[in-house]
Amino acid sequence: MTQDEKYAVQEKAVELLRTVFDPEIPVDIYSLGLIYRIEVTDEDVLQVDMTLTAPSCPAAEFLVEDARLKLETIPGVKSVEINIVFEPEWTQDMMSEEAKLELGFL
């Protein structure tokens, strides 16, 4: 995959991650700031580092599986690896302006 193709995959990944919603929050996981890294390896593996709003998030499994199923539809991606990370710790400051507005924080 060329660098341009990798960039296109990353763009598509962002687009798809904007369709993954926590069932309890009316904002997508990308706008919430839960996605820390999106990278395509030289082996065409899409790697995503994401966090949760809280380590004990009851929707964690749902969110990861929903994201994985959507990301696996991207042409050219051989597999998807989603890593749950807690460093840095998520804060409300990581949300987009739209997310803060939607949730009444602005």
PDB file of N, CA and C in Angstrom:
ATOM      1  N   MET A   1       0.859  -1.170   0.000  1.00  0.00           N
ATOM      2  CA  MET A   1       0.000   0.000   0.000  1.00  0.00           C
ATOM      3  C   MET A   1       0.911   1.242   0.000  1.00  0.00           C
ATOM      4  N   THR A   2       0.619   2.160  -0.895  1.00  0.00           N
ATOM      5  CA  THR A   2       1.412   3.390  -0.970  1.00  0.00           C
ATOM      6  C   THR A   2       1.063   4.308   0.201  1.00  0.00           C
ATOM      7  N   GLN A   3       1.876   5.339   0.396  1.00  0.00           N
ATOM      8  CA  GLN A   3       1.612   6.296   1.474  1.00  0.00           C
ATOM      9  C   GLN A   3       0.266   6.997   1.250  1.00  0.00           C
ATOM     10  N   ASP A   4      -0.049   7.309  -0.006  1.00  0.00           N
ATOM     11  CA  ASP A   4      -1.334   7.937  -0.318  1.00  0.00           C
ATOM     12  C   ASP A   4      -2.494   7.001   0.013  1.00  0.00           C
ATOM     13  N   GLU A   5      -2.328   5.718  -0.280  1.00  0.00           N
ATOM     14  CA  GLU A   5      -3.377   4.735   0.028  1.00  0.00           C
ATOM     15  C   GLU A   5      -3.549   4.593   1.532  1.00  0.00           C
ATOM     16  N   LYS A   6      -2.438   4.607   2.265  1.00  0.00           N
ATOM     17  CA  LYS A   6      -2.517   4.530   3.731  1.00  0.00           C
ATOM     18  C   LYS A   6      -3.259   5.747   4.286  1.00  0.00           C
ATOM     19  N   TYR A   7      -2.965   6.915   3.719  1.00  0.00           N
ATOM     20  CA  TYR A   7      -3.650   8.132   4.162  1.00  0.00           C
ATOM     21  C   TYR A   7      -5.153   8.023   3.881  1.00  0.00           C
ATOM     22  N   ALA A   8      -5.510   7.491   2.715  1.00  0.00           N
ATOM     23  CA  ALA A   8      -6.922   7.327   2.359  1.00  0.00           C
ATOM     24  C   ALA A   8      -7.616   6.361   3.323  1.00  0.00           C
ATOM     25  N   VAL A   9      -6.907   5.300   3.720  1.00  0.00           N
ATOM     26  CA  VAL A   9      -7.466   4.344   4.682  1.00  0.00           C
ATOM     27  C   VAL A   9      -7.682   5.035   6.029  1.00  0.00           C
ATOM     28  N   GLN A  10      -6.728   5.852   6.443  1.00  0.00           N
ATOM     29  CA  GLN A  10      -6.876   6.574   7.712  1.00  0.00           C
ATOM     30  C   GLN A  10      -8.069   7.528   7.665  1.00  0.00           C
ATOM     31  N   GLU A  11      -8.236   8.204   6.539  1.00  0.00           N
ATOM     32  CA  GLU A  11      -9.375   9.119   6.380  1.00  0.00           C
ATOM     33  C   GLU A  11     -10.697   8.353   6.455  1.00  0.00           C
ATOM     34  N   LYS A  12     -10.756   7.205   5.785  1.00  0.00           N
ATOM     35  CA  LYS A  12     -11.954   6.376   5.792  1.00  0.00           C
ATOM     36  C   LYS A  12     -12.210   5.852   7.209  1.00  0.00           C
ATOM     37  N   ALA A  13     -11.136   5.502   7.912  1.00  0.00           N
ATOM     38  CA  ALA A  13     -11.281   5.018   9.288  1.00  0.00           C
ATOM     39  C   ALA A  13     -11.927   6.090  10.168  1.00  0.00           C
ATOM     40  N   VAL A  14     -11.476   7.324  10.029  1.00  0.00           N
ATOM     41  CA  VAL A  14     -12.065   8.422  10.807  1.00  0.00           C
ATOM     42  C   VAL A  14     -13.551   8.548  10.468  1.00  0.00           C
ATOM     43  N   GLU A  15     -13.857   8.509   9.174  1.00  0.00           N
ATOM     44  CA  GLU A  15     -15.253   8.610   8.732  1.00  0.00           C
ATOM     45  C   GLU A  15     -16.110   7.513   9.383  1.00  0.00           C
ATOM     46  N   LEU A  16     -15.600   6.285   9.393  1.00  0.00           N
ATOM     47  CA  LEU A  16     -16.358   5.167   9.965  1.00  0.00           C
ATOM     48  C   LEU A  16     -16.430   5.255  11.492  1.00  0.00           C
ATOM     49  N   LEU A  17     -15.352   5.681  12.131  1.00  0.00           N
ATOM     50  CA  LEU A  17     -15.369   5.799  13.589  1.00  0.00           C
ATOM     51  C   LEU A  17     -16.346   6.874  14.050  1.00  0.00           C
ATOM     52  N   ARG A  18     -16.651   7.811  13.178  1.00  0.00           N
ATOM     53  CA  ARG A  18     -17.657   8.835  13.499  1.00  0.00           C
ATOM     54  C   ARG A  18     -19.085   8.259  13.477  1.00  0.00           C
ATOM     55  N   THR A  19     -19.211   6.974  13.108  1.00  0.00           N
ATOM     56  CA  THR A  19     -20.530   6.320  13.116  1.00  0.00           C
ATOM     57  C   THR A  19     -20.668   5.344  14.278  1.00  0.00           C
ATOM     58  N   VAL A  20     -19.650   5.305  15.163  1.00  0.00           N
ATOM     59  CA  VAL A  20     -19.687   4.422  16.336  1.00  0.00           C
ATOM     60  C   VAL A  20     -20.066   5.267  17.554  1.00  0.00           C
ATOM     61  N   PHE A  21     -21.188   4.916  18.160  1.00  0.00           N
ATOM     62  CA  PHE A  21     -21.718   5.691  19.277  1.00  0.00           C
ATOM     63  C   PHE A  21     -21.812   4.851  20.542  1.00  0.00           C
ATOM     64  N   ASP A  22     -21.424   5.442  21.657  1.00  0.00           N
ATOM     65  CA  ASP A  22     -21.670   4.840  22.959  1.00  0.00           C
ATOM     66  C   ASP A  22     -23.190   4.872  23.149  1.00  0.00           C
ATOM     67  N   PRO A  23     -23.803   3.737  23.521  1.00  0.00           N
ATOM     68  CA  PRO A  23     -25.272   3.716  23.684  1.00  0.00           C
ATOM     69  C   PRO A  23     -25.798   4.732  24.692  1.00  0.00           C
ATOM     70  N   GLU A  24     -24.952   5.168  25.623  1.00  0.00           N
ATOM     71  CA  GLU A  24     -25.402   6.095  26.657  1.00  0.00           C
ATOM     72  C   GLU A  24     -25.079   7.552  26.358  1.00  0.00           C
ATOM     73  N   ILE A  25     -24.288   7.793  25.300  1.00  0.00           N
ATOM     74  CA  ILE A  25     -23.866   9.158  24.980  1.00  0.00           C
ATOM     75  C   ILE A  25     -24.178   9.435  23.510  1.00  0.00           C
ATOM     76  N   PRO A  26     -24.890  10.508  23.196  1.00  0.00           N
ATOM     77  CA  PRO A  26     -25.281  10.775  21.799  1.00  0.00           C
ATOM     78  C   PRO A  26     -24.165  11.400  20.952  1.00  0.00           C
ATOM     79  N   VAL A  27     -22.922  11.006  21.198  1.00  0.00           N
ATOM     80  CA  VAL A  27     -21.788  11.557  20.459  1.00  0.00           C
ATOM     81  C   VAL A  27     -20.896  10.386  20.045  1.00  0.00           C
ATOM     82  N   ASP A  28     -20.332  10.464  18.831  1.00  0.00           N
ATOM     83  CA  ASP A  28     -19.496   9.369  18.339  1.00  0.00           C
ATOM     84  C   ASP A  28     -18.156   9.307  19.074  1.00  0.00           C
ATOM     85  N   ILE A  29     -17.511   8.133  19.008  1.00  0.00           N
ATOM     86  CA  ILE A  29     -16.277   7.924  19.778  1.00  0.00           C
ATOM     87  C   ILE A  29     -15.115   8.776  19.268  1.00  0.00           C
ATOM     88  N   TYR A  30     -15.133   9.133  17.986  1.00  0.00           N
ATOM     89  CA  TYR A  30     -14.052   9.986  17.465  1.00  0.00           C
ATOM     90  C   TYR A  30     -14.188  11.406  18.031  1.00  0.00           C
ATOM     91  N   SER A  31     -15.400  11.941  17.985  1.00  0.00           N
ATOM     92  CA  SER A  31     -15.637  13.298  18.505  1.00  0.00           C
ATOM     93  C   SER A  31     -15.463  13.370  20.010  1.00  0.00           C
ATOM     94  N   LEU A  32     -15.684  12.247  20.694  1.00  0.00           N
ATOM     95  CA  LEU A  32     -15.466  12.209  22.143  1.00  0.00           C
ATOM     96  C   LEU A  32     -13.982  12.249  22.489  1.00  0.00           C
ATOM     97  N   GLY A  33     -13.130  12.045  21.489  1.00  0.00           N
ATOM     98  CA  GLY A  33     -11.694  12.056  21.745  1.00  0.00           C
ATOM     99  C   GLY A  33     -11.173  10.718  22.245  1.00  0.00           C
ATOM    100  N   LEU A  34     -11.919   9.647  21.998  1.00  0.00           N
ATOM    101  CA  LEU A  34     -11.520   8.330  22.479  1.00  0.00           C
ATOM    102  C   LEU A  34     -10.507   7.641  21.556  1.00  0.00           C
ATOM    103  N   ILE A  35     -10.299   8.181  20.354  1.00  0.00           N
ATOM    104  CA  ILE A  35      -9.349   7.582  19.407  1.00  0.00           C
ATOM    105  C   ILE A  35      -8.021   8.322  19.521  1.00  0.00           C
ATOM    106  N   TYR A  36      -6.978   7.602  19.913  1.00  0.00           N
ATOM    107  CA  TYR A  36      -5.665   8.214  20.112  1.00  0.00           C
ATOM    108  C   TYR A  36      -4.742   8.035  18.912  1.00  0.00           C
ATOM    109  N   ARG A  37      -4.898   6.936  18.180  1.00  0.00           N
ATOM    110  CA  ARG A  37      -3.975   6.672  17.066  1.00  0.00           C
ATOM    111  C   ARG A  37      -4.672   5.817  16.023  1.00  0.00           C
ATOM    112  N   ILE A  38      -4.446   6.163  14.744  1.00  0.00           N
ATOM    113  CA  ILE A  38      -4.904   5.362  13.609  1.00  0.00           C
ATOM    114  C   ILE A  38      -3.703   5.235  12.687  1.00  0.00           C
ATOM    115  N   GLU A  39      -3.275   4.008  12.447  1.00  0.00           N
ATOM    116  CA  GLU A  39      -2.084   3.797  11.636  1.00  0.00           C
ATOM    117  C   GLU A  39      -2.244   2.543  10.777  1.00  0.00           C
ATOM    118  N   VAL A  40      -1.688   2.585   9.577  1.00  0.00           N
ATOM    119  CA  VAL A  40      -1.681   1.417   8.702  1.00  0.00           C
ATOM    120  C   VAL A  40      -0.241   0.930   8.620  1.00  0.00           C
ATOM    121  N   THR A  41      -0.027  -0.341   8.950  1.00  0.00           N
ATOM    122  CA  THR A  41       1.325  -0.901   8.921  1.00  0.00           C
ATOM    123  C   THR A  41       1.715  -1.246   7.481  1.00  0.00           C
ATOM    124  N   ASP A  42       2.985  -1.586   7.308  1.00  0.00           N
ATOM    125  CA  ASP A  42       3.458  -2.011   5.987  1.00  0.00           C
ATOM    126  C   ASP A  42       2.825  -3.340   5.566  1.00  0.00           C
ATOM    127  N   GLU A  43       2.234  -4.063   6.525  1.00  0.00           N
ATOM    128  CA  GLU A  43       1.545  -5.323   6.214  1.00  0.00           C
ATOM    129  C   GLU A  43       0.048  -5.095   5.989  1.00  0.00           C
ATOM    130  N   ASP A  44      -0.359  -3.838   5.837  1.00  0.00           N
ATOM    131  CA  ASP A  44      -1.756  -3.453   5.590  1.00  0.00           C
ATOM    132  C   ASP A  44      -2.694  -3.801   6.748  1.00  0.00           C
ATOM    133  N   VAL A  45      -2.158  -3.744   7.950  1.00  0.00           N
ATOM    134  CA  VAL A  45      -2.958  -3.932   9.154  1.00  0.00           C
ATOM    135  C   VAL A  45      -3.331  -2.542   9.677  1.00  0.00           C
ATOM    136  N   LEU A  46      -4.618  -2.339   9.912  1.00  0.00           N
ATOM    137  CA  LEU A  46      -5.087  -1.070  10.468  1.00  0.00           C
ATOM    138  C   LEU A  46      -5.039  -1.184  11.983  1.00  0.00           C
ATOM    139  N   GLN A  47      -4.215  -0.347  12.604  1.00  0.00           N
ATOM    140  CA  GLN A  47      -4.064  -0.353  14.056  1.00  0.00           C
ATOM    141  C   GLN A  47      -4.705   0.904  14.628  1.00  0.00           C
ATOM    142  N   VAL A  48      -5.524   0.696  15.654  1.00  0.00           N
ATOM    143  CA  VAL A  48      -6.217   1.807  16.301  1.00  0.00           C
ATOM    144  C   VAL A  48      -5.988   1.699  17.808  1.00  0.00           C
ATOM    145  N   ASP A  49      -5.532   2.791  18.396  1.00  0.00           N
ATOM    146  CA  ASP A  49      -5.461   2.891  19.856  1.00  0.00           C
ATOM    147  C   ASP A  49      -6.648   3.730  20.287  1.00  0.00           C
ATOM    148  N   MET A  50      -7.433   3.182  21.184  1.00  0.00           N
ATOM    149  CA  MET A  50      -8.569   3.929  21.695  1.00  0.00           C
ATOM    150  C   MET A  50      -8.638   3.754  23.200  1.00  0.00           C
ATOM    151  N   THR A  51      -9.337   4.677  23.827  1.00  0.00           N
ATOM    152  CA  THR A  51      -9.539   4.605  25.260  1.00  0.00           C
ATOM    153  C   THR A  51     -11.035   4.591  25.526  1.00  0.00           C
ATOM    154  N   LEU A  52     -11.384   4.599  26.781  1.00  0.00           N
ATOM    155  CA  LEU A  52     -12.780   4.613  27.200  1.00  0.00           C
ATOM    156  C   LEU A  52     -12.970   5.801  28.139  1.00  0.00           C
ATOM    157  N   THR A  53     -14.199   6.237  28.287  1.00  0.00           N
ATOM    158  CA  THR A  53     -14.453   7.363  29.182  1.00  0.00           C
ATOM    159  C   THR A  53     -14.159   6.980  30.626  1.00  0.00           C
ATOM    160  N   ALA A  54     -14.250   5.679  30.917  1.00  0.00           N
ATOM    161  CA  ALA A  54     -13.915   5.155  32.244  1.00  0.00           C
ATOM    162  C   ALA A  54     -13.445   3.709  32.059  1.00  0.00           C
ATOM    163  N   PRO A  55     -12.476   3.261  32.867  1.00  0.00           N
ATOM    164  CA  PRO A  55     -11.973   1.891  32.723  1.00  0.00           C
ATOM    165  C   PRO A  55     -13.062   0.826  32.855  1.00  0.00           C
ATOM    166  N   SER A  56     -14.100   1.119  33.600  1.00  0.00           N
ATOM    167  CA  SER A  56     -15.177   0.144  33.798  1.00  0.00           C
ATOM    168  C   SER A  56     -16.365   0.395  32.877  1.00  0.00           C
ATOM    169  N   CYS A  57     -16.134   1.043  31.749  1.00  0.00           N
ATOM    170  CA  CYS A  57     -17.207   1.377  30.804  1.00  0.00           C
ATOM    171  C   CYS A  57     -17.992   0.126  30.417  1.00  0.00           C
ATOM    172  N   PRO A  58     -19.307   0.097  30.707  1.00  0.00           N
ATOM    173  CA  PRO A  58     -20.102  -1.091  30.402  1.00  0.00           C
ATOM    174  C   PRO A  58     -20.261  -1.339  28.896  1.00  0.00           C
ATOM    175  N   ALA A  59     -20.048  -0.322  28.089  1.00  0.00           N
ATOM    176  CA  ALA A  59     -20.227  -0.464  26.639  1.00  0.00           C
ATOM    177  C   ALA A  59     -18.916  -0.789  25.917  1.00  0.00           C
ATOM    178  N   ALA A  60     -17.838  -1.039  26.644  1.00  0.00           N
ATOM    179  CA  ALA A  60     -16.516  -1.227  26.043  1.00  0.00           C
ATOM    180  C   ALA A  60     -16.522  -2.298  24.961  1.00  0.00           C
ATOM    181  N   GLU A  61     -17.028  -3.469  25.281  1.00  0.00           N
ATOM    182  CA  GLU A  61     -17.022  -4.569  24.314  1.00  0.00           C
ATOM    183  C   GLU A  61     -17.835  -4.209  23.076  1.00  0.00           C
ATOM    184  N   PHE A  62     -18.992  -3.604  23.269  1.00  0.00           N
ATOM    185  CA  PHE A  62     -19.840  -3.181  22.151  1.00  0.00           C
ATOM    186  C   PHE A  62     -19.107  -2.181  21.260  1.00  0.00           C
ATOM    187  N   LEU A  63     -18.478  -1.182  21.878  1.00  0.00           N
ATOM    188  CA  LEU A  63     -17.792  -0.140  21.110  1.00  0.00           C
ATOM    189  C   LEU A  63     -16.650  -0.715  20.279  1.00  0.00           C
ATOM    190  N   VAL A  64     -15.843  -1.578  20.877  1.00  0.00           N
ATOM    191  CA  VAL A  64     -14.709  -2.175  20.174  1.00  0.00           C
ATOM    192  C   VAL A  64     -15.201  -3.035  19.019  1.00  0.00           C
ATOM    193  N   GLU A  65     -16.211  -3.849  19.264  1.00  0.00           N
ATOM    194  CA  GLU A  65     -16.705  -4.743  18.211  1.00  0.00           C
ATOM    195  C   GLU A  65     -17.366  -3.954  17.081  1.00  0.00           C
ATOM    196  N   ASP A  66     -18.143  -2.931  17.426  1.00  0.00           N
ATOM    197  CA  ASP A  66     -18.782  -2.093  16.405  1.00  0.00           C
ATOM    198  C   ASP A  66     -17.714  -1.414  15.551  1.00  0.00           C
ATOM    199  N   ALA A  67     -16.690  -0.867  16.194  1.00  0.00           N
ATOM    200  CA  ALA A  67     -15.605  -0.213  15.462  1.00  0.00           C
ATOM    201  C   ALA A  67     -14.890  -1.216  14.564  1.00  0.00           C
ATOM    202  N   ARG A  68     -14.569  -2.390  15.096  1.00  0.00           N
ATOM    203  CA  ARG A  68     -13.849  -3.405  14.327  1.00  0.00           C
ATOM    204  C   ARG A  68     -14.644  -3.827  13.080  1.00  0.00           C
ATOM    205  N   LEU A  69     -15.920  -4.109  13.274  1.00  0.00           N
ATOM    206  CA  LEU A  69     -16.752  -4.547  12.138  1.00  0.00           C
ATOM    207  C   LEU A  69     -16.792  -3.488  11.041  1.00  0.00           C
ATOM    208  N   LYS A  70     -16.885  -2.241  11.422  1.00  0.00           N
ATOM    209  CA  LYS A  70     -16.941  -1.162  10.430  1.00  0.00           C
ATOM    210  C   LYS A  70     -15.584  -0.971   9.755  1.00  0.00           C
ATOM    211  N   LEU A  71     -14.513  -0.997  10.528  1.00  0.00           N
ATOM    212  CA  LEU A  71     -13.174  -0.781   9.964  1.00  0.00           C
ATOM    213  C   LEU A  71     -12.747  -1.920   9.044  1.00  0.00           C
ATOM    214  N   GLU A  72     -13.222  -3.124   9.311  1.00  0.00           N
ATOM    215  CA  GLU A  72     -12.868  -4.273   8.468  1.00  0.00           C
ATOM    216  C   GLU A  72     -13.450  -4.167   7.061  1.00  0.00           C
ATOM    217  N   THR A  73     -14.380  -3.246   6.852  1.00  0.00           N
ATOM    218  CA  THR A  73     -14.973  -3.074   5.511  1.00  0.00           C
ATOM    219  C   THR A  73     -14.119  -2.209   4.595  1.00  0.00           C
ATOM    220  N   ILE A  74     -13.054  -1.609   5.117  1.00  0.00           N
ATOM    221  CA  ILE A  74     -12.226  -0.714   4.305  1.00  0.00           C
ATOM    222  C   ILE A  74     -11.405  -1.540   3.314  1.00  0.00           C
ATOM    223  N   PRO A  75     -11.554  -1.260   2.023  1.00  0.00           N
ATOM    224  CA  PRO A  75     -10.785  -1.999   1.022  1.00  0.00           C
ATOM    225  C   PRO A  75      -9.278  -1.856   1.231  1.00  0.00           C
ATOM    226  N   GLY A  76      -8.563  -2.957   1.072  1.00  0.00           N
ATOM    227  CA  GLY A  76      -7.116  -2.938   1.182  1.00  0.00           C
ATOM    228  C   GLY A  76      -6.589  -3.260   2.566  1.00  0.00           C
ATOM    229  N   VAL A  77      -7.471  -3.250   3.565  1.00  0.00           N
ATOM    230  CA  VAL A  77      -7.057  -3.559   4.937  1.00  0.00           C
ATOM    231  C   VAL A  77      -7.162  -5.072   5.139  1.00  0.00           C
ATOM    232  N   LYS A  78      -6.041  -5.683   5.528  1.00  0.00           N
ATOM    233  CA  LYS A  78      -6.032  -7.140   5.730  1.00  0.00           C
ATOM    234  C   LYS A  78      -6.629  -7.532   7.072  1.00  0.00           C
ATOM    235  N   SER A  79      -6.374  -6.717   8.091  1.00  0.00           N
ATOM    236  CA  SER A  79      -6.952  -6.978   9.404  1.00  0.00           C
ATOM    237  C   SER A  79      -6.964  -5.692  10.214  1.00  0.00           C
ATOM    238  N   VAL A  80      -7.705  -5.735  11.311  1.00  0.00           N
ATOM    239  CA  VAL A  80      -7.856  -4.572  12.183  1.00  0.00           C
ATOM    240  C   VAL A  80      -7.452  -4.971  13.596  1.00  0.00           C
ATOM    241  N   GLU A  81      -6.592  -4.165  14.206  1.00  0.00           N
ATOM    242  CA  GLU A  81      -6.194  -4.366  15.597  1.00  0.00           C
ATOM    243  C   GLU A  81      -6.630  -3.137  16.387  1.00  0.00           C
ATOM    244  N   ILE A  82      -7.491  -3.356  17.365  1.00  0.00           N
ATOM    245  CA  ILE A  82      -7.925  -2.255  18.222  1.00  0.00           C
ATOM    246  C   ILE A  82      -7.348  -2.499  19.613  1.00  0.00           C
ATOM    247  N   ASN A  83      -6.539  -1.570  20.052  1.00  0.00           N
ATOM    248  CA  ASN A  83      -5.895  -1.666  21.364  1.00  0.00           C
ATOM    249  C   ASN A  83      -6.564  -0.688  22.318  1.00  0.00           C
ATOM    250  N   ILE A  84      -7.022  -1.189  23.442  1.00  0.00           N
ATOM    251  CA  ILE A  84      -7.591  -0.318  24.469  1.00  0.00           C
ATOM    252  C   ILE A  84      -6.436   0.154  25.350  1.00  0.00           C
ATOM    253  N   VAL A  85      -6.287   1.461  25.446  1.00  0.00           N
ATOM    254  CA  VAL A  85      -5.211   2.047  26.245  1.00  0.00           C
ATOM    255  C   VAL A  85      -5.806   3.046  27.238  1.00  0.00           C
ATOM    256  N   PHE A  86      -5.090   3.248  28.327  1.00  0.00           N
ATOM    257  CA  PHE A  86      -5.563   4.207  29.335  1.00  0.00           C
ATOM    258  C   PHE A  86      -4.529   5.277  29.621  1.00  0.00           C
ATOM    259  N   GLU A  87      -3.540   5.393  28.749  1.00  0.00           N
ATOM    260  CA  GLU A  87      -2.529   6.441  28.844  1.00  0.00           C
ATOM    261  C   GLU A  87      -2.500   7.189  27.522  1.00  0.00           C
ATOM    262  N   PRO A  88      -2.682   8.454  27.447  1.00  0.00           N
ATOM    263  CA  PRO A  88      -3.032   9.288  28.599  1.00  0.00           C
ATOM    264  C   PRO A  88      -4.480   9.052  29.019  1.00  0.00           C
ATOM    265  N   GLU A  89      -4.767   9.350  30.259  1.00  0.00           N
ATOM    266  CA  GLU A  89      -6.124   9.198  30.765  1.00  0.00           C
ATOM    267  C   GLU A  89      -7.053  10.164  30.031  1.00  0.00           C
ATOM    268  N   TRP A  90      -8.223   9.669  29.638  1.00  0.00           N
ATOM    269  CA  TRP A  90      -9.188  10.493  28.909  1.00  0.00           C
ATOM    270  C   TRP A  90      -9.776  11.546  29.842  1.00  0.00           C
ATOM    271  N   THR A  91      -9.934  12.762  29.295  1.00  0.00           N
ATOM    272  CA  THR A  91     -10.627  13.832  30.020  1.00  0.00           C
ATOM    273  C   THR A  91     -11.601  14.501  29.056  1.00  0.00           C
ATOM    274  N   GLN A  92     -12.519  15.262  29.605  1.00  0.00           N
ATOM    275  CA  GLN A  92     -13.498  15.967  28.767  1.00  0.00           C
ATOM    276  C   GLN A  92     -12.829  16.960  27.835  1.00  0.00           C
ATOM    277  N   ASP A  93     -11.638  17.408  28.159  1.00  0.00           N
ATOM    278  CA  ASP A  93     -10.915  18.351  27.304  1.00  0.00           C
ATOM    279  C   ASP A  93     -10.572  17.743  25.944  1.00  0.00           C
ATOM    280  N   MET A  94     -10.583  16.419  25.835  1.00  0.00           N
ATOM    281  CA  MET A  94     -10.235  15.742  24.586  1.00  0.00           C
ATOM    282  C   MET A  94     -11.386  15.721  23.587  1.00  0.00           C
ATOM    283  N   MET A  95     -12.562  16.109  24.034  1.00  0.00           N
ATOM    284  CA  MET A  95     -13.725  16.113  23.141  1.00  0.00           C
ATOM    285  C   MET A  95     -13.632  17.260  22.148  1.00  0.00           C
ATOM    286  N   SER A  96     -14.217  17.041  20.973  1.00  0.00           N
ATOM    287  CA  SER A  96     -14.297  18.114  19.987  1.00  0.00           C
ATOM    288  C   SER A  96     -15.253  19.186  20.494  1.00  0.00           C
ATOM    289  N   GLU A  97     -15.164  20.361  19.902  1.00  0.00           N
ATOM    290  CA  GLU A  97     -16.079  21.447  20.278  1.00  0.00           C
ATOM    291  C   GLU A  97     -17.531  21.026  20.060  1.00  0.00           C
ATOM    292  N   GLU A  98     -17.779  20.298  18.957  1.00  0.00           N
ATOM    293  CA  GLU A  98     -19.152  19.847  18.658  1.00  0.00           C
ATOM    294  C   GLU A  98     -19.663  18.908  19.743  1.00  0.00           C
ATOM    295  N   ALA A  99     -18.784  18.006  20.187  1.00  0.00           N
ATOM    296  CA  ALA A  99     -19.177  17.055  21.230  1.00  0.00           C
ATOM    297  C   ALA A  99     -19.493  17.788  22.529  1.00  0.00           C
ATOM    298  N   LYS A 100     -18.656  18.735  22.890  1.00  0.00           N
ATOM    299  CA  LYS A 100     -18.896  19.506  24.113  1.00  0.00           C
ATOM    300  C   LYS A 100     -20.215  20.260  24.023  1.00  0.00           C
ATOM    301  N   LEU A 101     -20.497  20.822  22.856  1.00  0.00           N
ATOM    302  CA  LEU A 101     -21.753  21.543  22.649  1.00  0.00           C
ATOM    303  C   LEU A 101     -22.938  20.600  22.764  1.00  0.00           C
ATOM    304  N   GLU A 102     -22.842  19.436  22.097  1.00  0.00           N
ATOM    305  CA  GLU A 102     -23.904  18.426  22.111  1.00  0.00           C
ATOM    306  C   GLU A 102     -24.223  17.961  23.538  1.00  0.00           C
ATOM    307  N   LEU A 103     -23.183  17.829  24.351  1.00  0.00           N
ATOM    308  CA  LEU A 103     -23.366  17.320  25.713  1.00  0.00           C
ATOM    309  C   LEU A 103     -23.572  18.429  26.739  1.00  0.00           C
ATOM    310  N   GLY A 104     -23.633  19.692  26.266  1.00  0.00           N
ATOM    311  CA  GLY A 104     -23.915  20.801  27.161  1.00  0.00           C
ATOM    312  C   GLY A 104     -22.746  21.284  27.983  1.00  0.00           C
ATOM    313  N   PHE A 105     -21.514  21.013  27.519  1.00  0.00           N
ATOM    314  CA  PHE A 105     -20.349  21.469  28.261  1.00  0.00           C
ATOM    315  C   PHE A 105     -19.868  22.842  27.798  1.00  0.00           C
ATOM    316  N   LEU A 106     -20.520  23.430  26.813  1.00  0.00           N
ATOM    317  CA  LEU A 106     -20.159  24.784  26.342  1.00  0.00           C
ATOM    318  C   LEU A 106     -21.321  25.729  26.544  1.00  0.00           C
TER     319      LEU A 106
END
